[in-house]
Amino acid sequence: MAHSTITSKGQVTIPAEIREALSLKKGDKLVWTATETGLSATVERTPTPAEVRGIFRHVARPGTTREQERAAFARAMAGIEGTDS
């Protein structure tokens, strides 16, 4: 069992064993949800450079409309959000 202490500024350090078990990296975010039965945290991962490389390859070509650019960007982002690290 891992323990953390809340600082006077309200900050908490996530123990190394937990960070390693969840593969948490700098830039990842934890979304906290409090319910009547307890607390949960969900990890929102920051895409790596490899994951975002090339997402704009179909965007802003000559003759591309703003709507086509937005649709291409949305498709690219959906692909990133669907990956597991």
PDB file of N, CA and C in Angstrom:
ATOM      1  N   MET A   1       0.857  -1.174   0.000  1.00  0.00           N
ATOM      2  CA  MET A   1       0.000   0.000   0.000  1.00  0.00           C
ATOM      3  C   MET A   1       0.896   1.228   0.000  1.00  0.00           C
ATOM      4  N   ALA A   2       0.601   2.192  -0.857  1.00  0.00           N
ATOM      5  CA  ALA A   2       1.383   3.419  -0.968  1.00  0.00           C
ATOM      6  C   ALA A   2       0.646   4.569  -0.279  1.00  0.00           C
ATOM      7  N   HIS A   3       1.407   5.493   0.279  1.00  0.00           N
ATOM      8  CA  HIS A   3       0.823   6.634   0.980  1.00  0.00           C
ATOM      9  C   HIS A   3       1.372   7.936   0.422  1.00  0.00           C
ATOM     10  N   SER A   4       0.552   8.982   0.488  1.00  0.00           N
ATOM     11  CA  SER A   4       0.961  10.333   0.114  1.00  0.00           C
ATOM     12  C   SER A   4       0.496  11.282   1.200  1.00  0.00           C
ATOM     13  N   THR A   5       1.167  12.427   1.278  1.00  0.00           N
ATOM     14  CA  THR A   5       0.788  13.466   2.224  1.00  0.00           C
ATOM     15  C   THR A   5       0.454  14.722   1.445  1.00  0.00           C
ATOM     16  N   ILE A   6      -0.605  15.409   1.837  1.00  0.00           N
ATOM     17  CA  ILE A   6      -0.985  16.663   1.195  1.00  0.00           C
ATOM     18  C   ILE A   6      -0.144  17.780   1.802  1.00  0.00           C
ATOM     19  N   THR A   7       0.476  18.609   0.945  1.00  0.00           N
ATOM     20  CA  THR A   7       1.294  19.723   1.419  1.00  0.00           C
ATOM     21  C   THR A   7       0.413  20.897   1.812  1.00  0.00           C
ATOM     22  N   SER A   8       1.012  21.921   2.382  1.00  0.00           N
ATOM     23  CA  SER A   8       0.267  23.119   2.765  1.00  0.00           C
ATOM     24  C   SER A   8      -0.337  23.822   1.554  1.00  0.00           C
ATOM     25  N   LYS A   9       0.214  23.563   0.345  1.00  0.00           N
ATOM     26  CA  LYS A   9      -0.325  24.144  -0.885  1.00  0.00           C
ATOM     27  C   LYS A   9      -1.357  23.232  -1.542  1.00  0.00           C
ATOM     28  N   GLY A  10      -1.688  22.118  -0.892  1.00  0.00           N
ATOM     29  CA  GLY A  10      -2.679  21.197  -1.438  1.00  0.00           C
ATOM     30  C   GLY A  10      -2.127  20.253  -2.482  1.00  0.00           C
ATOM     31  N   GLN A  11      -0.814  20.150  -2.572  1.00  0.00           N
ATOM     32  CA  GLN A  11      -0.195  19.273  -3.561  1.00  0.00           C
ATOM     33  C   GLN A  11       0.064  17.895  -2.973  1.00  0.00           C
ATOM     34  N   VAL A  12       0.054  16.889  -3.866  1.00  0.00           N
ATOM     35  CA  VAL A  12       0.297  15.508  -3.460  1.00  0.00           C
ATOM     36  C   VAL A  12       1.314  14.909  -4.419  1.00  0.00           C
ATOM     37  N   THR A  13       2.274  14.189  -3.892  1.00  0.00           N
ATOM     38  CA  THR A  13       3.220  13.461  -4.729  1.00  0.00           C
ATOM     39  C   THR A  13       2.702  12.039  -4.899  1.00  0.00           C
ATOM     40  N   ILE A  14       2.623  11.590  -6.138  1.00  0.00           N
ATOM     41  CA  ILE A  14       2.183  10.226  -6.409  1.00  0.00           C
ATOM     42  C   ILE A  14       3.399   9.324  -6.207  1.00  0.00           C
ATOM     43  N   PRO A  15       3.306   8.323  -5.345  1.00  0.00           N
ATOM     44  CA  PRO A  15       4.455   7.452  -5.084  1.00  0.00           C
ATOM     45  C   PRO A  15       4.991   6.812  -6.363  1.00  0.00           C
ATOM     46  N   ALA A  16       6.313   6.639  -6.403  1.00  0.00           N
ATOM     47  CA  ALA A  16       6.986   6.092  -7.589  1.00  0.00           C
ATOM     48  C   ALA A  16       6.387   4.763  -8.020  1.00  0.00           C
ATOM     49  N   GLU A  17       6.059   3.882  -7.073  1.00  0.00           N
ATOM     50  CA  GLU A  17       5.527   2.573  -7.447  1.00  0.00           C
ATOM     51  C   GLU A  17       4.180   2.696  -8.170  1.00  0.00           C
ATOM     52  N   ILE A  18       3.394   3.694  -7.811  1.00  0.00           N
ATOM     53  CA  ILE A  18       2.107   3.929  -8.480  1.00  0.00           C
ATOM     54  C   ILE A  18       2.344   4.527  -9.862  1.00  0.00           C
ATOM     55  N   ARG A  19       3.252   5.522  -9.944  1.00  0.00           N
ATOM     56  CA  ARG A  19       3.572   6.122 -11.247  1.00  0.00           C
ATOM     57  C   ARG A  19       4.077   5.068 -12.217  1.00  0.00           C
ATOM     58  N   GLU A  20       4.925   4.177 -11.733  1.00  0.00           N
ATOM     59  CA  GLU A  20       5.463   3.118 -12.594  1.00  0.00           C
ATOM     60  C   GLU A  20       4.380   2.130 -13.003  1.00  0.00           C
ATOM     61  N   ALA A  21       3.519   1.750 -12.069  1.00  0.00           N
ATOM     62  CA  ALA A  21       2.458   0.785 -12.367  1.00  0.00           C
ATOM     63  C   ALA A  21       1.479   1.327 -13.409  1.00  0.00           C
ATOM     64  N   LEU A  22       1.236   2.648 -13.386  1.00  0.00           N
ATOM     65  CA  LEU A  22       0.301   3.270 -14.324  1.00  0.00           C
ATOM     66  C   LEU A  22       1.001   3.868 -15.539  1.00  0.00           C
ATOM     67  N   SER A  23       2.323   3.732 -15.600  1.00  0.00           N
ATOM     68  CA  SER A  23       3.133   4.315 -16.681  1.00  0.00           C
ATOM     69  C   SER A  23       2.880   5.815 -16.816  1.00  0.00           C
ATOM     70  N   LEU A  24       2.760   6.503 -15.690  1.00  0.00           N
ATOM     71  CA  LEU A  24       2.525   7.948 -15.715  1.00  0.00           C
ATOM     72  C   LEU A  24       3.802   8.672 -16.106  1.00  0.00           C
ATOM     73  N   LYS A  25       3.626   9.704 -16.938  1.00  0.00           N
ATOM     74  CA  LYS A  25       4.754  10.499 -17.407  1.00  0.00           C
ATOM     75  C   LYS A  25       4.459  11.976 -17.213  1.00  0.00           C
ATOM     76  N   LYS A  26       5.485  12.779 -17.280  1.00  0.00           N
ATOM     77  CA  LYS A  26       5.332  14.224 -17.187  1.00  0.00           C
ATOM     78  C   LYS A  26       4.309  14.687 -18.231  1.00  0.00           C
ATOM     79  N   GLY A  27       3.368  15.509 -17.812  1.00  0.00           N
ATOM     80  CA  GLY A  27       2.342  16.010 -18.721  1.00  0.00           C
ATOM     81  C   GLY A  27       1.036  15.242 -18.654  1.00  0.00           C
ATOM     82  N   ASP A  28       1.060  13.999 -18.155  1.00  0.00           N
ATOM     83  CA  ASP A  28      -0.189  13.253 -17.986  1.00  0.00           C
ATOM     84  C   ASP A  28      -1.042  13.969 -16.940  1.00  0.00           C
ATOM     85  N   LYS A  29      -2.349  13.863 -17.081  1.00  0.00           N
ATOM     86  CA  LYS A  29      -3.260  14.505 -16.138  1.00  0.00           C
ATOM     87  C   LYS A  29      -4.102  13.454 -15.442  1.00  0.00           C
ATOM     88  N   LEU A  30      -4.424  13.735 -14.185  1.00  0.00           N
ATOM     89  CA  LEU A  30      -5.348  12.889 -13.436  1.00  0.00           C
ATOM     90  C   LEU A  30      -6.656  13.648 -13.274  1.00  0.00           C
ATOM     91  N   VAL A  31      -7.747  13.007 -13.634  1.00  0.00           N
ATOM     92  CA  VAL A  31      -9.071  13.595 -13.481  1.00  0.00           C
ATOM     93  C   VAL A  31      -9.698  12.935 -12.261  1.00  0.00           C
ATOM     94  N   TRP A  32      -9.985  13.731 -11.239  1.00  0.00           N
ATOM     95  CA  TRP A  32     -10.514  13.220  -9.976  1.00  0.00           C
ATOM     96  C   TRP A  32     -12.036  13.275  -9.982  1.00  0.00           C
ATOM     97  N   THR A  33     -12.671  12.206  -9.502  1.00  0.00           N
ATOM     98  CA  THR A  33     -14.119  12.149  -9.396  1.00  0.00           C
ATOM     99  C   THR A  33     -14.491  11.665  -7.995  1.00  0.00           C
ATOM    100  N   ALA A  34     -15.231  12.506  -7.274  1.00  0.00           N
ATOM    101  CA  ALA A  34     -15.688  12.137  -5.931  1.00  0.00           C
ATOM    102  C   ALA A  34     -17.138  11.673  -6.023  1.00  0.00           C
ATOM    103  N   THR A  35     -17.414  10.534  -5.403  1.00  0.00           N
ATOM    104  CA  THR A  35     -18.778  10.000  -5.366  1.00  0.00           C
ATOM    105  C   THR A  35     -19.150   9.747  -3.909  1.00  0.00           C
ATOM    106  N   GLU A  36     -20.362   9.313  -3.689  1.00  0.00           N
ATOM    107  CA  GLU A  36     -20.794   9.009  -2.324  1.00  0.00           C
ATOM    108  C   GLU A  36     -20.016   7.831  -1.738  1.00  0.00           C
ATOM    109  N   THR A  37     -19.523   6.948  -2.604  1.00  0.00           N
ATOM    110  CA  THR A  37     -18.844   5.739  -2.127  1.00  0.00           C
ATOM    111  C   THR A  37     -17.324   5.849  -2.132  1.00  0.00           C
ATOM    112  N   GLY A  38     -16.771   6.920  -2.672  1.00  0.00           N
ATOM    113  CA  GLY A  38     -15.317   7.037  -2.669  1.00  0.00           C
ATOM    114  C   GLY A  38     -14.791   8.006  -3.699  1.00  0.00           C
ATOM    115  N   LEU A  39     -13.561   7.793  -4.086  1.00  0.00           N
ATOM    116  CA  LEU A  39     -12.848   8.680  -4.988  1.00  0.00           C
ATOM    117  C   LEU A  39     -12.196   7.852  -6.073  1.00  0.00           C
ATOM    118  N   SER A  40     -12.202   8.367  -7.294  1.00  0.00           N
ATOM    119  CA  SER A  40     -11.486   7.677  -8.363  1.00  0.00           C
ATOM    120  C   SER A  40     -10.692   8.702  -9.160  1.00  0.00           C
ATOM    121  N   ALA A  41      -9.664   8.218  -9.819  1.00  0.00           N
ATOM    122  CA  ALA A  41      -8.837   9.071 -10.671  1.00  0.00           C
ATOM    123  C   ALA A  41      -8.678   8.376 -12.010  1.00  0.00           C
ATOM    124  N   THR A  42      -8.817   9.141 -13.081  1.00  0.00           N
ATOM    125  CA  THR A  42      -8.641   8.641 -14.434  1.00  0.00           C
ATOM    126  C   THR A  42      -7.456   9.362 -15.057  1.00  0.00           C
ATOM    127  N   VAL A  43      -6.629   8.630 -15.790  1.00  0.00           N
ATOM    128  CA  VAL A  43      -5.444   9.215 -16.415  1.00  0.00           C
ATOM    129  C   VAL A  43      -5.800   9.720 -17.807  1.00  0.00           C
ATOM    130  N   GLU A  44      -5.441  10.973 -18.082  1.00  0.00           N
ATOM    131  CA  GLU A  44      -5.525  11.532 -19.438  1.00  0.00           C
ATOM    132  C   GLU A  44      -4.095  11.696 -19.911  1.00  0.00           C
ATOM    133  N   ARG A  45      -3.730  10.903 -20.885  1.00  0.00           N
ATOM    134  CA  ARG A  45      -2.346  10.906 -21.354  1.00  0.00           C
ATOM    135  C   ARG A  45      -2.086  11.998 -22.387  1.00  0.00           C
ATOM    136  N   THR A  46      -0.894  12.539 -22.328  1.00  0.00           N
ATOM    137  CA  THR A  46      -0.436  13.507 -23.308  1.00  0.00           C
ATOM    138  C   THR A  46       0.132  12.719 -24.484  1.00  0.00           C
ATOM    139  N   PRO A  47      -0.305  13.007 -25.706  1.00  0.00           N
ATOM    140  CA  PRO A  47       0.231  12.265 -26.852  1.00  0.00           C
ATOM    141  C   PRO A  47       1.741  12.459 -26.972  1.00  0.00           C
ATOM    142  N   THR A  48       2.440  11.401 -27.350  1.00  0.00           N
ATOM    143  CA  THR A  48       3.880  11.490 -27.578  1.00  0.00           C
ATOM    144  C   THR A  48       4.125  12.109 -28.955  1.00  0.00           C
ATOM    145  N   PRO A  49       5.329  12.635 -29.196  1.00  0.00           N
ATOM    146  CA  PRO A  49       5.633  13.178 -30.529  1.00  0.00           C
ATOM    147  C   PRO A  49       5.396  12.158 -31.634  1.00  0.00           C
ATOM    148  N   ALA A  50       5.686  10.894 -31.375  1.00  0.00           N
ATOM    149  CA  ALA A  50       5.467   9.854 -32.386  1.00  0.00           C
ATOM    150  C   ALA A  50       3.988   9.712 -32.718  1.00  0.00           C
ATOM    151  N   GLU A  51       3.126   9.907 -31.712  1.00  0.00           N
ATOM    152  CA  GLU A  51       1.684   9.775 -31.940  1.00  0.00           C
ATOM    153  C   GLU A  51       1.120  10.941 -32.748  1.00  0.00           C
ATOM    154  N   VAL A  52       1.701  12.118 -32.626  1.00  0.00           N
ATOM    155  CA  VAL A  52       1.160  13.272 -33.349  1.00  0.00           C
ATOM    156  C   VAL A  52       1.888  13.542 -34.667  1.00  0.00           C
ATOM    157  N   ARG A  53       2.974  12.819 -34.904  1.00  0.00           N
ATOM    158  CA  ARG A  53       3.730  13.024 -36.140  1.00  0.00           C
ATOM    159  C   ARG A  53       2.850  12.737 -37.351  1.00  0.00           C
ATOM    160  N   GLY A  54       2.764  13.685 -38.235  1.00  0.00           N
ATOM    161  CA  GLY A  54       2.035  13.492 -39.476  1.00  0.00           C
ATOM    162  C   GLY A  54       0.539  13.728 -39.412  1.00  0.00           C
ATOM    163  N   ILE A  55      -0.009  14.218 -38.295  1.00  0.00           N
ATOM    164  CA  ILE A  55      -1.459  14.373 -38.221  1.00  0.00           C
ATOM    165  C   ILE A  55      -1.969  15.476 -39.136  1.00  0.00           C
ATOM    166  N   PHE A  56      -1.082  16.373 -39.548  1.00  0.00           N
ATOM    167  CA  PHE A  56      -1.513  17.465 -40.414  1.00  0.00           C
ATOM    168  C   PHE A  56      -1.207  17.204 -41.885  1.00  0.00           C
ATOM    169  N   ARG A  57      -0.841  15.985 -42.229  1.00  0.00           N
ATOM    170  CA  ARG A  57      -0.443  15.717 -43.615  1.00  0.00           C
ATOM    171  C   ARG A  57      -1.559  15.949 -44.624  1.00  0.00           C
ATOM    172  N   HIS A  58      -2.827  15.871 -44.191  1.00  0.00           N
ATOM    173  CA  HIS A  58      -3.941  16.076 -45.122  1.00  0.00           C
ATOM    174  C   HIS A  58      -4.612  17.429 -44.912  1.00  0.00           C
ATOM    175  N   VAL A  59      -4.022  18.242 -44.072  1.00  0.00           N
ATOM    176  CA  VAL A  59      -4.627  19.526 -43.739  1.00  0.00           C
ATOM    177  C   VAL A  59      -3.926  20.640 -44.503  1.00  0.00           C
ATOM    178  N   ALA A  60      -4.696  21.634 -44.905  1.00  0.00           N
ATOM    179  CA  ALA A  60      -4.186  22.862 -45.520  1.00  0.00           C
ATOM    180  C   ALA A  60      -3.489  22.637 -46.857  1.00  0.00           C
ATOM    181  N   ARG A  61      -3.957  21.690 -47.617  1.00  0.00           N
ATOM    182  CA  ARG A  61      -3.457  21.562 -48.982  1.00  0.00           C
ATOM    183  C   ARG A  61      -4.175  22.593 -49.834  1.00  0.00           C
ATOM    184  N   PRO A  62      -3.558  23.031 -50.907  1.00  0.00           N
ATOM    185  CA  PRO A  62      -4.222  24.012 -51.769  1.00  0.00           C
ATOM    186  C   PRO A  62      -5.596  23.506 -52.201  1.00  0.00           C
ATOM    187  N   GLY A  63      -6.592  24.366 -52.084  1.00  0.00           N
ATOM    188  CA  GLY A  63      -7.945  24.008 -52.469  1.00  0.00           C
ATOM    189  C   GLY A  63      -8.747  23.336 -51.366  1.00  0.00           C
ATOM    190  N   THR A  64      -8.135  23.116 -50.207  1.00  0.00           N
ATOM    191  CA  THR A  64      -8.838  22.490 -49.089  1.00  0.00           C
ATOM    192  C   THR A  64      -9.694  23.527 -48.385  1.00  0.00           C
ATOM    193  N   THR A  65     -10.949  23.185 -48.153  1.00  0.00           N
ATOM    194  CA  THR A  65     -11.842  24.116 -47.456  1.00  0.00           C
ATOM    195  C   THR A  65     -11.603  24.034 -45.955  1.00  0.00           C
ATOM    196  N   ARG A  66     -12.064  25.041 -45.239  1.00  0.00           N
ATOM    197  CA  ARG A  66     -11.935  25.060 -43.777  1.00  0.00           C
ATOM    198  C   ARG A  66     -12.640  23.839 -43.164  1.00  0.00           C
ATOM    199  N   GLU A  67     -13.787  23.461 -43.719  1.00  0.00           N
ATOM    200  CA  GLU A  67     -14.516  22.305 -43.214  1.00  0.00           C
ATOM    201  C   GLU A  67     -13.711  21.011 -43.415  1.00  0.00           C
ATOM    202  N   GLN A  68     -13.053  20.885 -44.554  1.00  0.00           N
ATOM    203  CA  GLN A  68     -12.230  19.707 -44.817  1.00  0.00           C
ATOM    204  C   GLN A  68     -11.039  19.663 -43.856  1.00  0.00           C
ATOM    205  N   GLU A  69     -10.454  20.832 -43.578  1.00  0.00           N
ATOM    206  CA  GLU A  69      -9.344  20.891 -42.633  1.00  0.00           C
ATOM    207  C   GLU A  69      -9.797  20.445 -41.243  1.00  0.00           C
ATOM    208  N   ARG A  70     -10.948  20.958 -40.812  1.00  0.00           N
ATOM    209  CA  ARG A  70     -11.468  20.596 -39.490  1.00  0.00           C
ATOM    210  C   ARG A  70     -11.774  19.105 -39.415  1.00  0.00           C
ATOM    211  N   ALA A  71     -12.355  18.554 -40.477  1.00  0.00           N
ATOM    212  CA  ALA A  71     -12.685  17.128 -40.497  1.00  0.00           C
ATOM    213  C   ALA A  71     -11.412  16.279 -40.451  1.00  0.00           C
ATOM    214  N   ALA A  72     -10.374  16.688 -41.187  1.00  0.00           N
ATOM    215  CA  ALA A  72      -9.111  15.947 -41.181  1.00  0.00           C
ATOM    216  C   ALA A  72      -8.469  15.997 -39.799  1.00  0.00           C
ATOM    217  N   PHE A  73      -8.515  17.162 -39.176  1.00  0.00           N
ATOM    218  CA  PHE A  73      -7.949  17.303 -37.834  1.00  0.00           C
ATOM    219  C   PHE A  73      -8.719  16.445 -36.834  1.00  0.00           C
ATOM    220  N   ALA A  74     -10.046  16.450 -36.921  1.00  0.00           N
ATOM    221  CA  ALA A  74     -10.870  15.642 -36.011  1.00  0.00           C
ATOM    222  C   ALA A  74     -10.562  14.156 -36.182  1.00  0.00           C
ATOM    223  N   ARG A  75     -10.394  13.702 -37.431  1.00  0.00           N
ATOM    224  CA  ARG A  75     -10.055  12.295 -37.682  1.00  0.00           C
ATOM    225  C   ARG A  75      -8.694  11.956 -37.076  1.00  0.00           C
ATOM    226  N   ALA A  76      -7.735  12.862 -37.243  1.00  0.00           N
ATOM    227  CA  ALA A  76      -6.392  12.626 -36.704  1.00  0.00           C
ATOM    228  C   ALA A  76      -6.434  12.558 -35.190  1.00  0.00           C
ATOM    229  N   MET A  77      -7.149  13.475 -34.548  1.00  0.00           N
ATOM    230  CA  MET A  77      -7.226  13.485 -33.093  1.00  0.00           C
ATOM    231  C   MET A  77      -7.967  12.254 -32.574  1.00  0.00           C
ATOM    232  N   ALA A  78      -8.983  11.795 -33.286  1.00  0.00           N
ATOM    233  CA  ALA A  78      -9.714  10.589 -32.873  1.00  0.00           C
ATOM    234  C   ALA A  78      -8.776   9.393 -32.881  1.00  0.00           C
ATOM    235  N   GLY A  79      -7.872   9.356 -33.836  1.00  0.00           N
ATOM    236  CA  GLY A  79      -6.888   8.266 -33.898  1.00  0.00           C
ATOM    237  C   GLY A  79      -5.932   8.308 -32.724  1.00  0.00           C
ATOM    238  N   ILE A  80      -5.538   9.507 -32.299  1.00  0.00           N
ATOM    239  CA  ILE A  80      -4.642   9.644 -31.147  1.00  0.00           C
ATOM    240  C   ILE A  80      -5.347   9.255 -29.881  1.00  0.00           C
ATOM    241  N   GLU A  81      -6.569   9.728 -29.677  1.00  0.00           N
ATOM    242  CA  GLU A  81      -7.296   9.452 -28.452  1.00  0.00           C
ATOM    243  C   GLU A  81      -7.642   7.976 -28.319  1.00  0.00           C
ATOM    244  N   GLY A  82      -7.698   7.261 -29.440  1.00  0.00           N
ATOM    245  CA  GLY A  82      -8.047   5.854 -29.394  1.00  0.00           C
ATOM    246  C   GLY A  82      -6.872   4.938 -29.110  1.00  0.00           C
ATOM    247  N   THR A  83      -5.648   5.510 -28.998  1.00  0.00           N
ATOM    248  CA  THR A  83      -4.477   4.673 -28.739  1.00  0.00           C
ATOM    249  C   THR A  83      -4.258   4.504 -27.251  1.00  0.00           C
ATOM    250  N   ASP A  84      -3.729   3.358 -26.878  1.00  0.00           N
ATOM    251  CA  ASP A  84      -3.364   3.105 -25.488  1.00  0.00           C
ATOM    252  C   ASP A  84      -1.857   3.130 -25.381  1.00  0.00           C
ATOM    253  N   SER A  85      -1.359   3.774 -24.344  1.00  0.00           N
ATOM    254  CA  SER A  85       0.101   3.834 -24.158  1.00  0.00           C
ATOM    255  C   SER A  85       0.566   2.681 -23.336  1.00  0.00           C
TER     256      SER A  85
END
